[in-house]
């Protein structure tokens, strides 16, 4: 079954509350996200999920040169940041998008859906 990455994006403001307007809103979202995770497991979609610390805690590494360049902070400065993710299995993109809509509602963030490379997609890329 194809795998998809569902990336959750939210505002960079209020990092102490994960971008939520209040502690209550954050706790409510966590409960709804937990219920969403339970549904993914029950229905056989769940592979892996987790939340991330704020982008300010990131370290960027560029190892393309002779010596790696290590920089404190995120690669990009933006108004929104990657806050967490799910790796799911879904029959097709339509099912993944429907699940992403449920996840977005639960966590109160925008969700980007990207398919993982498959043997077929890599082969098609190499053949083109």
Protein backbone atom coordinates (compact mmCIF):
# COMPACT_ATOMS: atom_id res chain seq x y z
CA UNK A 1 0.00 0.00 0.00
CA UNK A 2 1.42 3.46 -0.87
CA UNK A 3 2.83 5.59 1.95
CA UNK A 4 2.29 9.31 2.40
CA UNK A 5 3.90 11.95 4.58
CA UNK A 6 1.35 14.28 6.17
CA UNK A 7 3.31 17.32 7.37
CA UNK A 8 1.61 19.68 9.82
CA UNK A 9 2.39 23.39 9.57
CA UNK A 10 1.46 26.07 12.08
CA UNK A 11 2.41 29.59 13.11
CA UNK A 12 5.81 30.38 14.59
CA UNK A 13 4.33 32.81 17.12
CA UNK A 14 3.63 31.69 20.71
CA UNK A 15 6.27 28.90 20.65
CA UNK A 16 5.64 28.17 24.33
CA UNK A 17 2.12 27.05 23.33
CA UNK A 18 3.07 25.41 20.03
CA UNK A 19 1.37 28.25 18.16
CA UNK A 20 -1.99 27.71 19.88
CA UNK A 21 -4.00 30.69 21.18
CA UNK A 22 -4.20 29.29 24.72
CA UNK A 23 -3.22 26.34 26.90
CA UNK A 24 -6.82 25.12 26.71
CA UNK A 25 -6.82 25.24 22.90
CA UNK A 26 -3.53 23.32 22.85
CA UNK A 27 -4.84 20.60 25.20
CA UNK A 28 -8.06 20.27 23.20
CA UNK A 29 -6.07 19.87 19.99
CA UNK A 30 -3.81 17.25 21.61
CA UNK A 31 -6.87 15.25 22.67
CA UNK A 32 -8.41 15.46 19.19
CA UNK A 33 -5.08 14.53 17.58
CA UNK A 34 -4.79 11.53 19.92
CA UNK A 35 -8.26 10.38 18.84
CA UNK A 36 -7.22 10.83 15.19
CA UNK A 37 -4.08 8.76 15.80
CA UNK A 38 -6.21 6.03 17.42
CA UNK A 39 -8.48 5.98 14.35
CA UNK A 40 -5.47 5.70 12.03
CA UNK A 41 -4.21 2.71 14.03
CA UNK A 42 -7.64 1.05 14.19
CA UNK A 43 -8.15 1.37 10.44
CA UNK A 44 -4.64 0.19 9.51
CA UNK A 45 -3.27 3.51 8.17
CA UNK A 46 -0.82 4.38 10.96
CA UNK A 47 2.91 3.87 10.35
CA UNK A 48 4.54 6.58 12.50
CA UNK A 49 3.79 10.06 13.85
CA UNK A 50 5.38 12.61 16.12
CA UNK A 51 5.52 16.28 17.01
CA UNK A 52 8.58 18.48 16.69
CA UNK A 53 10.15 21.10 18.91
CA UNK A 54 9.95 24.69 17.57
CA UNK A 55 12.01 25.55 14.48
CA UNK A 56 14.27 27.75 16.63
CA UNK A 57 15.72 24.54 18.13
CA UNK A 58 16.86 23.29 14.71
CA UNK A 59 20.44 22.97 13.53
CA UNK A 60 21.14 23.09 9.80
CA UNK A 61 23.95 20.95 8.38
CA UNK A 62 25.40 21.35 4.87
CA UNK A 63 27.84 18.53 4.23
CA UNK A 64 28.27 19.15 0.50
CA UNK A 65 31.67 20.82 0.75
CA UNK A 66 35.03 19.64 2.05
CA UNK A 67 33.94 20.31 5.63
CA UNK A 68 30.35 20.33 6.95
CA UNK A 69 28.90 23.76 7.69
CA UNK A 70 26.75 23.66 10.82
CA UNK A 71 24.43 26.59 11.55
CA UNK A 72 22.11 27.11 14.50
CA UNK A 73 18.52 27.62 13.47
CA UNK A 74 16.18 26.47 10.73
CA UNK A 75 17.11 26.32 7.06
CA UNK A 76 14.31 28.75 6.16
CA UNK A 77 12.87 31.68 8.07
CA UNK A 78 9.10 31.63 7.68
CA UNK A 79 5.85 32.68 9.33
CA UNK A 80 4.88 29.02 9.63
CA UNK A 81 6.91 26.02 10.70
CA UNK A 82 6.76 22.25 10.50
CA UNK A 83 5.27 21.20 13.83
CA UNK A 84 4.75 17.49 13.39
CA UNK A 85 3.94 14.75 10.94
CA UNK A 86 2.30 11.42 10.23
CA UNK A 87 3.55 8.66 7.98
CA UNK A 88 0.48 6.77 6.81
CA UNK A 89 -0.49 4.05 4.38
CA UNK A 90 -3.48 4.73 2.14
CA UNK A 91 -4.96 3.02 -0.89
CA UNK A 92 -4.41 6.12 -3.04
CA UNK A 93 -3.95 9.88 -2.98
CA UNK A 94 -7.68 10.53 -2.59
CA UNK A 95 -7.78 8.48 0.61
CA UNK A 96 -4.59 10.18 1.88
CA UNK A 97 -6.15 13.61 1.23
CA UNK A 98 -9.32 12.65 3.10
CA UNK A 99 -7.23 11.48 6.07
CA UNK A 100 -5.16 14.68 5.91
CA UNK A 101 -8.35 16.74 6.15
CA UNK A 102 -9.31 14.85 9.32
CA UNK A 103 -5.80 15.32 10.74
CA UNK A 104 -5.85 19.02 9.91
CA UNK A 105 -9.14 19.46 11.73
CA UNK A 106 -7.81 17.53 14.76
CA UNK A 107 -4.49 19.36 15.13
CA UNK A 108 -5.73 22.74 13.88
CA UNK A 109 -2.90 23.10 11.39
CA UNK A 110 -2.41 23.03 7.66
CA UNK A 111 -1.34 19.59 6.38
CA UNK A 112 0.82 19.00 3.31
CA UNK A 113 0.48 15.54 1.70
CA UNK A 114 3.41 14.01 -0.19
CA UNK A 115 3.76 10.48 -1.48
CA UNK A 116 6.92 8.55 -0.73
CA UNK A 117 9.03 7.30 -3.60
CA UNK A 118 7.94 3.90 -4.79
CA UNK A 119 9.86 1.47 -6.95
CA UNK A 120 7.55 2.44 -9.81
CA UNK A 121 8.01 6.19 -9.37
CA UNK A 122 11.81 5.87 -9.22
CA UNK A 123 11.85 3.64 -12.29
CA UNK A 124 9.65 6.11 -14.21
CA UNK A 125 12.04 8.92 -13.24
CA UNK A 126 15.07 6.96 -14.42
CA UNK A 127 13.35 5.95 -17.66
CA UNK A 128 12.43 9.54 -18.57
